[in-house]
PDB file of N, CA and C in Angstrom:
ATOM      1  N   MET A   1     112.544 110.003 -14.069  1.00  0.00           N
ATOM      2  CA  MET A   1     111.724 108.828 -14.213  1.00  0.00           C
ATOM      3  C   MET A   1     111.758 108.038 -12.922  1.00  0.00           C
ATOM      4  N   SER A   2     110.655 107.518 -12.529  1.00  0.00           N
ATOM      5  CA  SER A   2     110.634 106.697 -11.324  1.00  0.00           C
ATOM      6  C   SER A   2     111.214 105.303 -11.603  1.00  0.00           C
ATOM      7  N   GLU A   3     111.596 104.641 -10.543  1.00  0.00           N
ATOM      8  CA  GLU A   3     112.141 103.282 -10.667  1.00  0.00           C
ATOM      9  C   GLU A   3     111.103 102.357 -11.248  1.00  0.00           C
ATOM     10  N   GLU A   4     109.860 102.563 -10.896  1.00  0.00           N
ATOM     11  CA  GLU A   4     108.761 101.717 -11.419  1.00  0.00           C
ATOM     12  C   GLU A   4     108.631 101.875 -12.939  1.00  0.00           C
ATOM     13  N   SER A   5     108.719 103.119 -13.419  1.00  0.00           N
ATOM     14  CA  SER A   5     108.640 103.362 -14.857  1.00  0.00           C
ATOM     15  C   SER A   5     109.829 102.749 -15.575  1.00  0.00           C
ATOM     16  N   LYS A   6     111.022 102.889 -15.023  1.00  0.00           N
ATOM     17  CA  LYS A   6     112.229 102.288 -15.635  1.00  0.00           C
ATOM     18  C   LYS A   6     112.067 100.773 -15.727  1.00  0.00           C
ATOM     19  N   LEU A   7     111.559 100.143 -14.673  1.00  0.00           N
ATOM     20  CA  LEU A   7     111.342  98.718 -14.678  1.00  0.00           C
ATOM     21  C   LEU A   7     110.357  98.261 -15.739  1.00  0.00           C
ATOM     22  N   LYS A   8     109.225  99.017 -15.868  1.00  0.00           N
ATOM     23  CA  LYS A   8     108.221  98.707 -16.888  1.00  0.00           C
ATOM     24  C   LYS A   8     108.801  98.807 -18.276  1.00  0.00           C
ATOM     25  N   MET A   9     109.599  99.851 -18.529  1.00  0.00           N
ATOM     26  CA  MET A   9     110.218 100.058 -19.850  1.00  0.00           C
ATOM     27  C   MET A   9     111.193  98.926 -20.144  1.00  0.00           C
ATOM     28  N   SER A  10     111.969  98.560 -19.136  1.00  0.00           N
ATOM     29  CA  SER A  10     112.942  97.498 -19.295  1.00  0.00           C
ATOM     30  C   SER A  10     112.260  96.172 -19.672  1.00  0.00           C
ATOM     31  N   LYS A  11     111.201  95.837 -18.946  1.00  0.00           N
ATOM     32  CA  LYS A  11     110.454  94.631 -19.247  1.00  0.00           C
ATOM     33  C   LYS A  11     109.828  94.652 -20.639  1.00  0.00           C
ATOM     34  N   ALA A  12     109.333  95.820 -21.056  1.00  0.00           N
ATOM     35  CA  ALA A  12     108.712  95.944 -22.363  1.00  0.00           C
ATOM     36  C   ALA A  12     109.681  95.753 -23.507  1.00  0.00           C
ATOM     37  N   HIS A  13     110.940  96.053 -23.297  1.00  0.00           N
ATOM     38  CA  HIS A  13     111.952  95.958 -24.357  1.00  0.00           C
ATOM     39  C   HIS A  13     112.763  94.691 -24.348  1.00  0.00           C
ATOM     40  N   LYS A  14     112.701  93.908 -23.297  1.00  0.00           N
ATOM     41  CA  LYS A  14     113.467  92.677 -23.182  1.00  0.00           C
ATOM     42  C   LYS A  14     113.097  91.696 -24.283  1.00  0.00           C
ATOM     43  N   GLY A  15     114.105  91.139 -24.942  1.00  0.00           N
ATOM     44  CA  GLY A  15     113.930  90.125 -25.965  1.00  0.00           C
ATOM     45  C   GLY A  15     113.498  90.614 -27.330  1.00  0.00           C
ATOM     46  N   LYS A  16     113.323  91.929 -27.454  1.00  0.00           N
ATOM     47  CA  LYS A  16     112.926  92.470 -28.768  1.00  0.00           C
ATOM     48  C   LYS A  16     114.149  92.888 -29.561  1.00  0.00           C
ATOM     49  N   PRO A  17     114.124  92.658 -30.866  1.00  0.00           N
ATOM     50  CA  PRO A  17     115.260  93.065 -31.706  1.00  0.00           C
ATOM     51  C   PRO A  17     115.433  94.587 -31.708  1.00  0.00           C
ATOM     52  N   LYS A  18     116.665  94.970 -31.867  1.00  0.00           N
ATOM     53  CA  LYS A  18     117.023  96.399 -31.932  1.00  0.00           C
ATOM     54  C   LYS A  18     117.812  96.643 -33.217  1.00  0.00           C
ATOM     55  N   PRO A  19     117.132  96.695 -34.363  1.00  0.00           N
ATOM     56  CA  PRO A  19     117.852  96.831 -35.628  1.00  0.00           C
ATOM     57  C   PRO A  19     118.647  98.125 -35.755  1.00  0.00           C
ATOM     58  N   TRP A  20     118.327  99.120 -34.981  1.00  0.00           N
ATOM     59  CA  TRP A  20     119.058 100.381 -35.087  1.00  0.00           C
ATOM     60  C   TRP A  20     120.457 100.308 -34.476  1.00  0.00           C
ATOM     61  N   ILE A  21     120.787  99.225 -33.750  1.00  0.00           N
ATOM     62  CA  ILE A  21     122.141  99.106 -33.203  1.00  0.00           C
ATOM     63  C   ILE A  21     122.824  97.857 -33.697  1.00  0.00           C
ATOM     64  N   ARG A  22     122.391  97.274 -34.782  1.00  0.00           N
ATOM     65  CA  ARG A  22     122.992  96.083 -35.325  1.00  0.00           C
ATOM     66  C   ARG A  22     123.835  96.408 -36.535  1.00  0.00           C
ATOM     67  N   GLY A  23     124.813  95.521 -36.779  1.00  0.00           N
ATOM     68  CA  GLY A  23     125.610  95.646 -38.001  1.00  0.00           C
ATOM     69  C   GLY A  23     126.355  96.959 -38.049  1.00  0.00           C
ATOM     70  N   GLU A  24     126.284  97.614 -39.189  1.00  0.00           N
ATOM     71  CA  GLU A  24     127.015  98.857 -39.383  1.00  0.00           C
ATOM     72  C   GLU A  24     126.631  99.948 -38.443  1.00  0.00           C
ATOM     73  N   ASN A  25     125.461  99.926 -37.866  1.00  0.00           N
ATOM     74  CA  ASN A  25     124.968 100.959 -36.944  1.00  0.00           C
ATOM     75  C   ASN A  25     125.552 100.805 -35.556  1.00  0.00           C
ATOM     76  N   ASN A  26     126.163  99.675 -35.256  1.00  0.00           N
ATOM     77  CA  ASN A  26     126.714  99.425 -33.947  1.00  0.00           C
ATOM     78  C   ASN A  26     128.119 100.108 -33.851  1.00  0.00           C
ATOM     79  N   GLY A  27     128.383 100.716 -32.703  1.00  0.00           N
ATOM     80  CA  GLY A  27     129.665 101.386 -32.503  1.00  0.00           C
ATOM     81  C   GLY A  27     130.895 100.499 -32.552  1.00  0.00           C
ATOM     82  N   TYR A  28     130.667  99.178 -32.374  1.00  0.00           N
ATOM     83  CA  TYR A  28     131.774  98.247 -32.404  1.00  0.00           C
ATOM     84  C   TYR A  28     131.949  97.576 -33.769  1.00  0.00           C
ATOM     85  N   TRP A  29     131.200  98.024 -34.769  1.00  0.00           N
ATOM     86  CA  TRP A  29     131.241  97.408 -36.107  1.00  0.00           C
ATOM     87  C   TRP A  29     132.631  97.498 -36.706  1.00  0.00           C
ATOM     88  N   LYS A  30     133.139  96.377 -37.227  1.00  0.00           N
ATOM     89  CA  LYS A  30     134.490  96.357 -37.848  1.00  0.00           C
ATOM     90  C   LYS A  30     134.375  95.717 -39.255  1.00  0.00           C
ATOM     91  N   ASN A  31     133.516  96.241 -40.064  1.00  0.00           N
ATOM     92  CA  ASN A  31     133.312  95.779 -41.422  1.00  0.00           C
ATOM     93  C   ASN A  31     133.028  94.255 -41.488  1.00  0.00           C
ATOM     94  N   GLY A  32     132.304  93.719 -40.551  1.00  0.00           N
ATOM     95  CA  GLY A  32     131.915  92.309 -40.533  1.00  0.00           C
ATOM     96  C   GLY A  32     133.033  91.372 -40.093  1.00  0.00           C
ATOM     97  N   ALA A  33     134.132  91.879 -39.620  1.00  0.00           N
ATOM     98  CA  ALA A  33     135.281  91.002 -39.268  1.00  0.00           C
ATOM     99  C   ALA A  33     134.943  90.077 -38.140  1.00  0.00           C
ATOM    100  N   SER A  34     134.155  90.485 -37.154  1.00  0.00           N
ATOM    101  CA  SER A  34     133.846  89.600 -36.042  1.00  0.00           C
ATOM    102  C   SER A  34     133.032  88.400 -36.513  1.00  0.00           C
ATOM    103  N   TYR A  35     132.160  88.569 -37.501  1.00  0.00           N
ATOM    104  CA  TYR A  35     131.389  87.466 -38.019  1.00  0.00           C
ATOM    105  C   TYR A  35     132.325  86.423 -38.612  1.00  0.00           C
ATOM    106  N   LEU A  36     133.297  86.845 -39.388  1.00  0.00           N
ATOM    107  CA  LEU A  36     134.266  85.956 -40.012  1.00  0.00           C
ATOM    108  C   LEU A  36     135.129  85.271 -38.980  1.00  0.00           C
ATOM    109  N   HIS A  37     135.586  86.025 -37.983  1.00  0.00           N
ATOM    110  CA  HIS A  37     136.438  85.437 -36.929  1.00  0.00           C
ATOM    111  C   HIS A  37     135.661  84.374 -36.194  1.00  0.00           C
ATOM    112  N   ASN A  38     134.435  84.661 -35.820  1.00  0.00           N
ATOM    113  CA  ASN A  38     133.602  83.675 -35.113  1.00  0.00           C
ATOM    114  C   ASN A  38     133.316  82.452 -35.989  1.00  0.00           C
ATOM    115  N   ALA A  39     133.090  82.675 -37.246  1.00  0.00           N
ATOM    116  CA  ALA A  39     132.832  81.578 -38.189  1.00  0.00           C
ATOM    117  C   ALA A  39     134.059  80.679 -38.313  1.00  0.00           C
ATOM    118  N   ILE A  40     135.224  81.266 -38.407  1.00  0.00           N
ATOM    119  CA  ILE A  40     136.454  80.497 -38.505  1.00  0.00           C
ATOM    120  C   ILE A  40     136.705  79.732 -37.221  1.00  0.00           C
ATOM    121  N   ARG A  41     136.487  80.375 -36.088  1.00  0.00           N
ATOM    122  CA  ARG A  41     136.668  79.714 -34.798  1.00  0.00           C
ATOM    123  C   ARG A  41     135.662  78.558 -34.604  1.00  0.00           C
ATOM    124  N   GLY A  42     134.546  78.617 -35.312  1.00  0.00           N
ATOM    125  CA  GLY A  42     133.558  77.550 -35.210  1.00  0.00           C
ATOM    126  C   GLY A  42     133.777  76.389 -36.155  1.00  0.00           C
ATOM    127  N   MET A  43     134.741  76.520 -37.070  1.00  0.00           N
ATOM    128  CA  MET A  43     135.018  75.472 -38.056  1.00  0.00           C
ATOM    129  C   MET A  43     135.602  74.234 -37.360  1.00  0.00           C
ATOM    130  N   LEU A  44     135.278  73.087 -37.895  1.00  0.00           N
ATOM    131  CA  LEU A  44     135.819  71.816 -37.365  1.00  0.00           C
ATOM    132  C   LEU A  44     137.319  71.821 -37.451  1.00  0.00           C
ATOM    133  N   GLU A  45     137.883  72.342 -38.541  1.00  0.00           N
ATOM    134  CA  GLU A  45     139.330  72.418 -38.718  1.00  0.00           C
ATOM    135  C   GLU A  45     140.017  73.221 -37.612  1.00  0.00           C
ATOM    136  N   PHE A  46     139.363  74.343 -37.236  1.00  0.00           N
ATOM    137  CA  PHE A  46     139.931  75.203 -36.198  1.00  0.00           C
ATOM    138  C   PHE A  46     139.868  74.476 -34.845  1.00  0.00           C
ATOM    139  N   ARG A  47     138.735  73.854 -34.543  1.00  0.00           N
ATOM    140  CA  ARG A  47     138.619  73.151 -33.267  1.00  0.00           C
ATOM    141  C   ARG A  47     139.560  71.973 -33.178  1.00  0.00           C
ATOM    142  N   THR A  48     139.778  71.290 -34.308  1.00  0.00           N
ATOM    143  CA  THR A  48     140.730  70.183 -34.311  1.00  0.00           C
ATOM    144  C   THR A  48     142.148  70.666 -34.105  1.00  0.00           C
ATOM    145  N   TRP A  49     142.484  71.790 -34.746  1.00  0.00           N
ATOM    146  CA  TRP A  49     143.815  72.412 -34.590  1.00  0.00           C
ATOM    147  C   TRP A  49     144.023  72.801 -33.106  1.00  0.00           C
ATOM    148  N   ARG A  50     142.988  73.421 -32.517  1.00  0.00           N
ATOM    149  CA  ARG A  50     143.120  73.863 -31.113  1.00  0.00           C
ATOM    150  C   ARG A  50     143.331  72.667 -30.192  1.00  0.00           C
ATOM    151  N   THR A  51     142.577  71.594 -30.372  1.00  0.00           N
ATOM    152  CA  THR A  51     142.711  70.392 -29.544  1.00  0.00           C
ATOM    153  C   THR A  51     144.103  69.795 -29.713  1.00  0.00           C
ATOM    154  N   THR A  52     144.611  69.783 -30.929  1.00  0.00           N
ATOM    155  CA  THR A  52     145.968  69.270 -31.222  1.00  0.00           C
ATOM    156  C   THR A  52     147.022  70.100 -30.454  1.00  0.00           C
ATOM    157  N   ILE A  53     146.860  71.413 -30.462  1.00  0.00           N
ATOM    158  CA  ILE A  53     147.782  72.299 -29.749  1.00  0.00           C
ATOM    159  C   ILE A  53     147.731  72.026 -28.244  1.00  0.00           C
ATOM    160  N   TYR A  54     146.530  71.889 -27.713  1.00  0.00           N
ATOM    161  CA  TYR A  54     146.392  71.615 -26.271  1.00  0.00           C
ATOM    162  C   TYR A  54     147.092  70.294 -25.914  1.00  0.00           C
ATOM    163  N   GLN A  55     146.898  69.273 -26.718  1.00  0.00           N
ATOM    164  CA  GLN A  55     147.519  67.981 -26.447  1.00  0.00           C
ATOM    165  C   GLN A  55     149.030  68.057 -26.575  1.00  0.00           C
ATOM    166  N   ARG A  56     149.512  68.789 -27.595  1.00  0.00           N
ATOM    167  CA  ARG A  56     150.941  68.944 -27.815  1.00  0.00           C
ATOM    168  C   ARG A  56     151.625  69.612 -26.598  1.00  0.00           C
ATOM    169  N   ASP A  57     150.917  70.589 -26.031  1.00  0.00           N
ATOM    170  CA  ASP A  57     151.477  71.353 -24.908  1.00  0.00           C
ATOM    171  C   ASP A  57     151.035  70.808 -23.561  1.00  0.00           C
ATOM    172  N   SER A  58     150.477  69.611 -23.523  1.00  0.00           N
ATOM    173  CA  SER A  58     150.022  68.977 -22.286  1.00  0.00           C
ATOM    174  C   SER A  58     149.040  69.860 -21.498  1.00  0.00           C
ATOM    175  N   TYR A  59     148.218  70.572 -22.187  1.00  0.00           N
ATOM    176  CA  TYR A  59     147.220  71.458 -21.572  1.00  0.00           C
ATOM    177  C   TYR A  59     147.844  72.440 -20.609  1.00  0.00           C
ATOM    178  N   THR A  60     149.030  72.925 -20.994  1.00  0.00           N
ATOM    179  CA  THR A  60     149.764  73.890 -20.175  1.00  0.00           C
ATOM    180  C   THR A  60     150.041  75.111 -21.009  1.00  0.00           C
ATOM    181  N   CYS A  61     149.878  76.304 -20.405  1.00  0.00           N
ATOM    182  CA  CYS A  61     150.122  77.543 -21.074  1.00  0.00           C
ATOM    183  C   CYS A  61     151.590  77.660 -21.447  1.00  0.00           C
ATOM    184  N   ARG A  62     151.900  77.959 -22.690  1.00  0.00           N
ATOM    185  CA  ARG A  62     153.297  78.104 -23.110  1.00  0.00           C
ATOM    186  C   ARG A  62     153.878  79.446 -22.695  1.00  0.00           C
ATOM    187  N   VAL A  63     153.021  80.404 -22.365  1.00  0.00           N
ATOM    188  CA  VAL A  63     153.486  81.715 -21.964  1.00  0.00           C
ATOM    189  C   VAL A  63     153.842  81.719 -20.491  1.00  0.00           C
ATOM    190  N   CYS A  64     152.985  81.254 -19.614  1.00  0.00           N
ATOM    191  CA  CYS A  64     153.243  81.348 -18.163  1.00  0.00           C
ATOM    192  C   CYS A  64     153.505  79.979 -17.531  1.00  0.00           C
ATOM    193  N   GLY A  65     153.249  78.875 -18.234  1.00  0.00           N
ATOM    194  CA  GLY A  65     153.515  77.556 -17.700  1.00  0.00           C
ATOM    195  C   GLY A  65     152.471  77.005 -16.760  1.00  0.00           C
ATOM    196  N   VAL A  66     151.326  77.693 -16.643  1.00  0.00           N
ATOM    197  CA  VAL A  66     150.261  77.250 -15.738  1.00  0.00           C
ATOM    198  C   VAL A  66     149.375  76.212 -16.414  1.00  0.00           C
ATOM    199  N   LEU A  67     149.119  75.172 -15.661  1.00  0.00           N
ATOM    200  CA  LEU A  67     148.207  74.131 -16.098  1.00  0.00           C
ATOM    201  C   LEU A  67     146.800  74.587 -15.673  1.00  0.00           C
ATOM    202  N   ASP A  68     145.903  74.803 -16.629  1.00  0.00           N
ATOM    203  CA  ASP A  68     144.589  75.383 -16.278  1.00  0.00           C
ATOM    204  C   ASP A  68     143.494  74.693 -17.068  1.00  0.00           C
ATOM    205  N   MET A  69     143.119  73.495 -16.681  1.00  0.00           N
ATOM    206  CA  MET A  69     142.067  72.746 -17.369  1.00  0.00           C
ATOM    207  C   MET A  69     140.720  72.973 -16.677  1.00  0.00           C
ATOM    208  N   LYS A  70     140.681  73.172 -15.394  1.00  0.00           N
ATOM    209  CA  LYS A  70     139.429  73.209 -14.679  1.00  0.00           C
ATOM    210  C   LYS A  70     138.609  74.449 -15.001  1.00  0.00           C
ATOM    211  N   ASP A  71     139.218  75.589 -15.211  1.00  0.00           N
ATOM    212  CA  ASP A  71     138.484  76.839 -15.489  1.00  0.00           C
ATOM    213  C   ASP A  71     138.320  77.121 -16.981  1.00  0.00           C
ATOM    214  N   ASN A  72     138.862  76.275 -17.856  1.00  0.00           N
ATOM    215  CA  ASN A  72     138.784  76.454 -19.289  1.00  0.00           C
ATOM    216  C   ASN A  72     139.296  77.798 -19.760  1.00  0.00           C
ATOM    217  N   LYS A  73     140.325  78.300 -19.115  1.00  0.00           N
ATOM    218  CA  LYS A  73     140.889  79.593 -19.501  1.00  0.00           C
ATOM    219  C   LYS A  73     142.118  79.421 -20.397  1.00  0.00           C
ATOM    220  N   LEU A  74     142.437  78.203 -20.740  1.00  0.00           N
ATOM    221  CA  LEU A  74     143.614  77.965 -21.565  1.00  0.00           C
ATOM    222  C   LEU A  74     143.333  78.391 -23.001  1.00  0.00           C
ATOM    223  N   ASN A  75     144.309  79.058 -23.608  1.00  0.00           N
ATOM    224  CA  ASN A  75     144.192  79.496 -25.002  1.00  0.00           C
ATOM    225  C   ASN A  75     145.282  78.867 -25.836  1.00  0.00           C
ATOM    226  N   ALA A  76     144.932  78.508 -27.070  1.00  0.00           N
ATOM    227  CA  ALA A  76     145.927  78.013 -27.976  1.00  0.00           C
ATOM    228  C   ALA A  76     146.578  79.287 -28.583  1.00  0.00           C
ATOM    229  N   HIS A  77     147.758  79.644 -28.087  1.00  0.00           N
ATOM    230  CA  HIS A  77     148.397  80.893 -28.514  1.00  0.00           C
ATOM    231  C   HIS A  77     148.867  80.747 -29.950  1.00  0.00           C
ATOM    232  N   HIS A  78     148.680  81.836 -30.659  1.00  0.00           N
ATOM    233  CA  HIS A  78     149.134  81.893 -32.043  1.00  0.00           C
ATOM    234  C   HIS A  78     150.509  82.584 -32.109  1.00  0.00           C
ATOM    235  N   ILE A  79     151.338  82.078 -32.940  1.00  0.00           N
ATOM    236  CA  ILE A  79     152.578  82.774 -33.238  1.00  0.00           C
ATOM    237  C   ILE A  79     152.219  83.986 -34.042  1.00  0.00           C
ATOM    238  N   ILE A  80     151.297  83.822 -34.964  1.00  0.00           N
ATOM    239  CA  ILE A  80     150.735  84.918 -35.766  1.00  0.00           C
ATOM    240  C   ILE A  80     149.251  85.005 -35.405  1.00  0.00           C
ATOM    241  N   PRO A  81     148.785  86.160 -34.921  1.00  0.00           N
ATOM    242  CA  PRO A  81     147.376  86.301 -34.527  1.00  0.00           C
ATOM    243  C   PRO A  81     146.441  86.054 -35.701  1.00  0.00           C
ATOM    244  N   LEU A  82     145.251  85.506 -35.395  1.00  0.00           N
ATOM    245  CA  LEU A  82     144.265  85.185 -36.452  1.00  0.00           C
ATOM    246  C   LEU A  82     143.905  86.375 -37.297  1.00  0.00           C
ATOM    247  N   VAL A  83     143.761  87.557 -36.707  1.00  0.00           N
ATOM    248  CA  VAL A  83     143.410  88.709 -37.452  1.00  0.00           C
ATOM    249  C   VAL A  83     144.490  89.073 -38.517  1.00  0.00           C
ATOM    250  N   LYS A  84     145.750  88.856 -38.150  1.00  0.00           N
ATOM    251  CA  LYS A  84     146.851  89.123 -39.100  1.00  0.00           C
ATOM    252  C   LYS A  84     146.806  88.130 -40.241  1.00  0.00           C
ATOM    253  N   ILE A  85     146.519  86.854 -39.951  1.00  0.00           N
ATOM    254  CA  ILE A  85     146.420  85.855 -41.006  1.00  0.00           C
ATOM    255  C   ILE A  85     145.270  86.216 -41.981  1.00  0.00           C
ATOM    256  N   ILE A  86     144.138  86.574 -41.387  1.00  0.00           N
ATOM    257  CA  ILE A  86     142.984  86.949 -42.237  1.00  0.00           C
ATOM    258  C   ILE A  86     143.341  88.114 -43.144  1.00  0.00           C
ATOM    259  N   ASN A  87     144.010  89.137 -42.600  1.00  0.00           N
ATOM    260  CA  ASN A  87     144.386  90.311 -43.394  1.00  0.00           C
ATOM    261  C   ASN A  87     145.444  90.004 -44.438  1.00  0.00           C
ATOM    262  N   ASP A  88     146.483  89.270 -44.020  1.00  0.00           N
ATOM    263  CA  ASP A  88     147.623  88.978 -44.922  1.00  0.00           C
ATOM    264  C   ASP A  88     147.191  88.117 -46.102  1.00  0.00           C
ATOM    265  N   TYR A  89     146.308  87.153 -45.865  1.00  0.00           N
ATOM    266  CA  TYR A  89     145.867  86.236 -46.914  1.00  0.00           C
ATOM    267  C   TYR A  89     144.579  86.686 -47.574  1.00  0.00           C
ATOM    268  N   ASP A  90     144.083  87.861 -47.209  1.00  0.00           N
ATOM    269  CA  ASP A  90     142.870  88.441 -47.780  1.00  0.00           C
ATOM    270  C   ASP A  90     141.715  87.445 -47.721  1.00  0.00           C
ATOM    271  N   ILE A  91     141.504  86.842 -46.530  1.00  0.00           N
ATOM    272  CA  ILE A  91     140.438  85.899 -46.325  1.00  0.00           C
ATOM    273  C   ILE A  91     139.155  86.653 -46.122  1.00  0.00           C
ATOM    274  N   LYS A  92     138.150  86.319 -46.993  1.00  0.00           N
ATOM    275  CA  LYS A  92     136.886  87.012 -46.958  1.00  0.00           C
ATOM    276  C   LYS A  92     135.719  86.070 -46.570  1.00  0.00           C
ATOM    277  N   SER A  93     135.967  84.766 -46.534  1.00  0.00           N
ATOM    278  CA  SER A  93     134.898  83.818 -46.222  1.00  0.00           C
ATOM    279  C   SER A  93     135.483  82.594 -45.547  1.00  0.00           C
ATOM    280  N   VAL A  94     134.634  81.731 -45.053  1.00  0.00           N
ATOM    281  CA  VAL A  94     135.083  80.487 -44.440  1.00  0.00           C
ATOM    282  C   VAL A  94     135.729  79.605 -45.466  1.00  0.00           C
ATOM    283  N   ASP A  95     135.200  79.614 -46.705  1.00  0.00           N
ATOM    284  CA  ASP A  95     135.826  78.846 -47.771  1.00  0.00           C
ATOM    285  C   ASP A  95     137.248  79.291 -48.044  1.00  0.00           C
ATOM    286  N   ASP A  96     137.468  80.614 -48.033  1.00  0.00           N
ATOM    287  CA  ASP A  96     138.849  81.142 -48.206  1.00  0.00           C
ATOM    288  C   ASP A  96     139.728  80.633 -47.066  1.00  0.00           C
ATOM    289  N   ALA A  97     139.200  80.609 -45.850  1.00  0.00           N
ATOM    290  CA  ALA A  97     139.983  80.150 -44.674  1.00  0.00           C
ATOM    291  C   ALA A  97     140.353  78.669 -44.854  1.00  0.00           C
ATOM    292  N   ARG A  98     139.463  77.860 -45.371  1.00  0.00           N
ATOM    293  CA  ARG A  98     139.755  76.439 -45.514  1.00  0.00           C
ATOM    294  C   ARG A  98     140.887  76.238 -46.517  1.00  0.00           C
ATOM    295  N   LYS A  99     140.933  77.084 -47.545  1.00  0.00           N
ATOM    296  CA  LYS A  99     141.995  76.958 -48.548  1.00  0.00           C
ATOM    297  C   LYS A  99     143.300  77.360 -47.986  1.00  0.00           C
TER     298      LYS A  99
END
């Protein structure tokens, strides 16, 4: 295929939905877990918890001790990872997470 043809095809497909690679058809599908993780991380309670952790630790990484506010690369480290909490408590929805 010529570069011109590739460019035309690329432009023709930009912004169009691709249902054949969404949800269960996607190679990265994990039984909807990423949707739940993202929903939990978007909850006001989660964001409040994260801000509280940052303030408690003076916006400094507890693992390496680096102060990193300008690049927003700081993470609120979990003693227990979120995925383990979701699995251990059989959390299936945002309402379950709030409880």
